[in-house]
Amino acid sequence: MEQTFEGILSSLLDGYEKSESKDIDALLKEKNEELGLTEEGKTLIKKASEYIDKFSEKTESLEAAREEGISMKRWLTEDLEKGMKDLSDQEKADIFEGLTIKRDEQLNQNAKEER
């Protein structure tokens, strides 16, 4: 098998799809010798898998909220509140400041592109 990221990822996804246990750690261990994955490669793929799983969970949660008639804005607000419940007021302020800066940068960029 060609040792490219695409080849490795394709092999892992095929193996995961065919696996009954859906245990990414067991799959990585099984495929390690076959694919010659480094520890760094295994870590990156595991992190990518966790990110995809989290994205899938959020998508399902948003879809369920929409079915209940909850707006995306309300869903997002409630989800952010849950995720930040253990943060200090300063940490929350820092996050919102960063989001505001990024939003303003994007708005400025969009305005420049429209000219």
C-alpha atoms as a PDB file:
ATOM      1  CA  MET A   1       0.000   0.000   0.000  1.00  0.00           C
ATOM      2  CA  GLU A   2       1.186   3.505  -0.794  1.00  0.00           C
ATOM      3  CA  GLN A   3       2.375   5.240   2.387  1.00  0.00           C
ATOM      4  CA  THR A   4       0.601   8.560   1.942  1.00  0.00           C
ATOM      5  CA  PHE A   5      -1.718  10.224   4.399  1.00  0.00           C
ATOM      6  CA  GLU A   6      -4.626   9.477   2.062  1.00  0.00           C
ATOM      7  CA  GLY A   7      -3.612   5.821   1.795  1.00  0.00           C
ATOM      8  CA  ILE A   8      -3.221   5.401   5.534  1.00  0.00           C
ATOM      9  CA  LEU A   9      -6.460   7.219   6.276  1.00  0.00           C
ATOM     10  CA  SER A  10      -8.316   5.190   3.655  1.00  0.00           C
ATOM     11  CA  SER A  11      -7.047   1.939   5.146  1.00  0.00           C
ATOM     12  CA  LEU A  12      -7.990   3.041   8.664  1.00  0.00           C
ATOM     13  CA  LEU A  13     -11.466   4.165   7.601  1.00  0.00           C
ATOM     14  CA  ASP A  14     -12.064   0.889   5.763  1.00  0.00           C
ATOM     15  CA  GLY A  15     -10.869  -1.064   8.787  1.00  0.00           C
ATOM     16  CA  TYR A  16     -13.018   1.014  11.139  1.00  0.00           C
ATOM     17  CA  GLU A  17     -16.094   0.549   8.958  1.00  0.00           C
ATOM     18  CA  LYS A  18     -15.598  -3.231   8.867  1.00  0.00           C
ATOM     19  CA  SER A  19     -14.783  -3.463  12.583  1.00  0.00           C
ATOM     20  CA  GLU A  20     -17.525  -4.711  14.871  1.00  0.00           C
ATOM     21  CA  SER A  21     -16.056  -3.134  18.004  1.00  0.00           C
ATOM     22  CA  LYS A  22     -15.503   0.389  16.570  1.00  0.00           C
ATOM     23  CA  ASP A  23     -12.563   0.716  18.982  1.00  0.00           C
ATOM     24  CA  ILE A  24     -10.073   3.131  17.391  1.00  0.00           C
ATOM     25  CA  ASP A  25      -7.281   2.148  19.788  1.00  0.00           C
ATOM     26  CA  ALA A  26      -7.624  -1.532  18.902  1.00  0.00           C
ATOM     27  CA  LEU A  27      -7.772  -0.679  15.208  1.00  0.00           C
ATOM     28  CA  LEU A  28      -4.629   1.456  15.416  1.00  0.00           C
ATOM     29  CA  LYS A  29      -2.806  -1.331  17.225  1.00  0.00           C
ATOM     30  CA  GLU A  30      -3.938  -3.846  14.594  1.00  0.00           C
ATOM     31  CA  LYS A  31      -3.011  -1.620  11.647  1.00  0.00           C
ATOM     32  CA  ASN A  32       0.280  -0.370  13.105  1.00  0.00           C
ATOM     33  CA  GLU A  33       2.443  -3.148  11.706  1.00  0.00           C
ATOM     34  CA  GLU A  34       0.564  -3.283   8.410  1.00  0.00           C
ATOM     35  CA  LEU A  35       0.806   0.470   7.816  1.00  0.00           C
ATOM     36  CA  GLY A  36       4.034   1.263   9.633  1.00  0.00           C
ATOM     37  CA  LEU A  37       2.506   4.113  11.618  1.00  0.00           C
ATOM     38  CA  THR A  38       4.747   6.147  13.884  1.00  0.00           C
ATOM     39  CA  GLU A  39       3.581   7.155  17.354  1.00  0.00           C
ATOM     40  CA  GLU A  40       3.103  10.697  16.054  1.00  0.00           C
ATOM     41  CA  GLY A  41       1.009   9.399  13.157  1.00  0.00           C
ATOM     42  CA  LYS A  42      -1.165   7.333  15.475  1.00  0.00           C
ATOM     43  CA  THR A  43      -1.655  10.319  17.775  1.00  0.00           C
ATOM     44  CA  LEU A  44      -2.629  12.624  14.908  1.00  0.00           C
ATOM     45  CA  ILE A  45      -5.110  10.135  13.492  1.00  0.00           C
ATOM     46  CA  LYS A  46      -6.613   9.497  16.936  1.00  0.00           C
ATOM     47  CA  LYS A  47      -7.014  13.256  17.500  1.00  0.00           C
ATOM     48  CA  ALA A  48      -8.629  13.642  14.081  1.00  0.00           C
ATOM     49  CA  SER A  49     -11.004  10.801  14.945  1.00  0.00           C
ATOM     50  CA  GLU A  50     -11.937  12.461  18.244  1.00  0.00           C
ATOM     51  CA  TYR A  51     -12.572  15.751  16.433  1.00  0.00           C
ATOM     52  CA  ILE A  52     -14.797  14.035  13.868  1.00  0.00           C
ATOM     53  CA  ASP A  53     -16.719  12.261  16.637  1.00  0.00           C
ATOM     54  CA  LYS A  54     -17.250  15.550  18.497  1.00  0.00           C
ATOM     55  CA  PHE A  55     -18.398  17.281  15.309  1.00  0.00           C
ATOM     56  CA  SER A  56     -20.832  14.433  14.683  1.00  0.00           C
ATOM     57  CA  GLU A  57     -22.197  14.705  18.240  1.00  0.00           C
ATOM     58  CA  LYS A  58     -22.730  18.456  17.854  1.00  0.00           C
ATOM     59  CA  THR A  59     -24.434  17.991  14.486  1.00  0.00           C
ATOM     60  CA  GLU A  60     -26.806  15.413  15.949  1.00  0.00           C
ATOM     61  CA  SER A  61     -27.512  17.678  18.918  1.00  0.00           C
ATOM     62  CA  LEU A  62     -28.301  20.628  16.649  1.00  0.00           C
ATOM     63  CA  GLU A  63     -30.574  18.497  14.466  1.00  0.00           C
ATOM     64  CA  ALA A  64     -32.448  17.266  17.539  1.00  0.00           C
ATOM     65  CA  ALA A  65     -32.832  20.835  18.787  1.00  0.00           C
ATOM     66  CA  ARG A  66     -34.191  21.958  15.419  1.00  0.00           C
ATOM     67  CA  GLU A  67     -36.740  19.128  15.514  1.00  0.00           C
ATOM     68  CA  GLU A  68     -37.855  20.479  18.898  1.00  0.00           C
ATOM     69  CA  GLY A  69     -38.231  23.962  17.400  1.00  0.00           C
ATOM     70  CA  ILE A  70     -35.134  25.394  19.082  1.00  0.00           C
ATOM     71  CA  SER A  71     -33.310  28.011  17.038  1.00  0.00           C
ATOM     72  CA  MET A  72     -29.658  27.614  16.159  1.00  0.00           C
ATOM     73  CA  LYS A  73     -28.842  30.757  18.151  1.00  0.00           C
ATOM     74  CA  ARG A  74     -30.537  29.392  21.278  1.00  0.00           C
ATOM     75  CA  TRP A  75     -28.897  25.973  20.823  1.00  0.00           C
ATOM     76  CA  LEU A  76     -25.471  27.554  20.407  1.00  0.00           C
ATOM     77  CA  THR A  77     -25.963  29.810  23.426  1.00  0.00           C
ATOM     78  CA  GLU A  78     -27.001  26.891  25.626  1.00  0.00           C
ATOM     79  CA  ASP A  79     -24.157  24.725  24.331  1.00  0.00           C
ATOM     80  CA  LEU A  80     -21.611  27.472  25.014  1.00  0.00           C
ATOM     81  CA  GLU A  81     -23.001  27.981  28.509  1.00  0.00           C
ATOM     82  CA  LYS A  82     -22.652  24.257  29.230  1.00  0.00           C
ATOM     83  CA  GLY A  83     -19.124  24.168  27.856  1.00  0.00           C
ATOM     84  CA  MET A  84     -17.981  27.221  29.794  1.00  0.00           C
ATOM     85  CA  LYS A  85     -19.742  26.590  33.106  1.00  0.00           C
ATOM     86  CA  ASP A  86     -16.488  25.781  34.905  1.00  0.00           C
ATOM     87  CA  LEU A  87     -14.528  28.741  33.524  1.00  0.00           C
ATOM     88  CA  SER A  88     -13.816  31.892  35.496  1.00  0.00           C
ATOM     89  CA  ASP A  89     -15.367  35.169  34.395  1.00  0.00           C
ATOM     90  CA  GLN A  90     -11.943  36.274  33.140  1.00  0.00           C
ATOM     91  CA  GLU A  91     -11.532  33.144  31.026  1.00  0.00           C
ATOM     92  CA  LYS A  92     -15.009  33.668  29.546  1.00  0.00           C
ATOM     93  CA  ALA A  93     -14.187  37.310  28.814  1.00  0.00           C
ATOM     94  CA  ASP A  94     -10.929  36.284  27.100  1.00  0.00           C
ATOM     95  CA  ILE A  95     -12.774  33.796  24.890  1.00  0.00           C
ATOM     96  CA  PHE A  96     -15.419  36.306  23.864  1.00  0.00           C
ATOM     97  CA  GLU A  97     -12.787  38.955  23.238  1.00  0.00           C
ATOM     98  CA  GLY A  98     -10.960  36.555  20.924  1.00  0.00           C
ATOM     99  CA  LEU A  99     -14.182  35.684  19.120  1.00  0.00           C
ATOM    100  CA  THR A 100     -15.045  39.361  18.718  1.00  0.00           C
ATOM    101  CA  ILE A 101     -11.599  40.139  17.290  1.00  0.00           C
ATOM    102  CA  LYS A 102     -11.877  37.274  14.782  1.00  0.00           C
ATOM    103  CA  ARG A 103     -15.401  38.323  13.812  1.00  0.00           C
ATOM    104  CA  ASP A 104     -14.277  41.913  13.244  1.00  0.00           C
ATOM    105  CA  GLU A 105     -11.300  40.746  11.184  1.00  0.00           C
ATOM    106  CA  GLN A 106     -13.609  38.642   9.022  1.00  0.00           C
ATOM    107  CA  LEU A 107     -16.076  41.505   8.589  1.00  0.00           C
ATOM    108  CA  ASN A 108     -13.240  43.840   7.558  1.00  0.00           C
ATOM    109  CA  GLN A 109     -11.900  41.275   5.099  1.00  0.00           C
ATOM    110  CA  ASN A 110     -15.370  40.773   3.612  1.00  0.00           C
ATOM    111  CA  ALA A 111     -15.820  44.540   3.254  1.00  0.00           C
ATOM    112  CA  LYS A 112     -12.452  44.847   1.443  1.00  0.00           C
ATOM    113  CA  GLU A 113     -13.369  42.039  -0.941  1.00  0.00           C
ATOM    114  CA  GLU A 114     -16.686  43.688  -1.790  1.00  0.00           C
ATOM    115  CA  ARG A 115     -14.956  46.911  -2.887  1.00  0.00           C
END
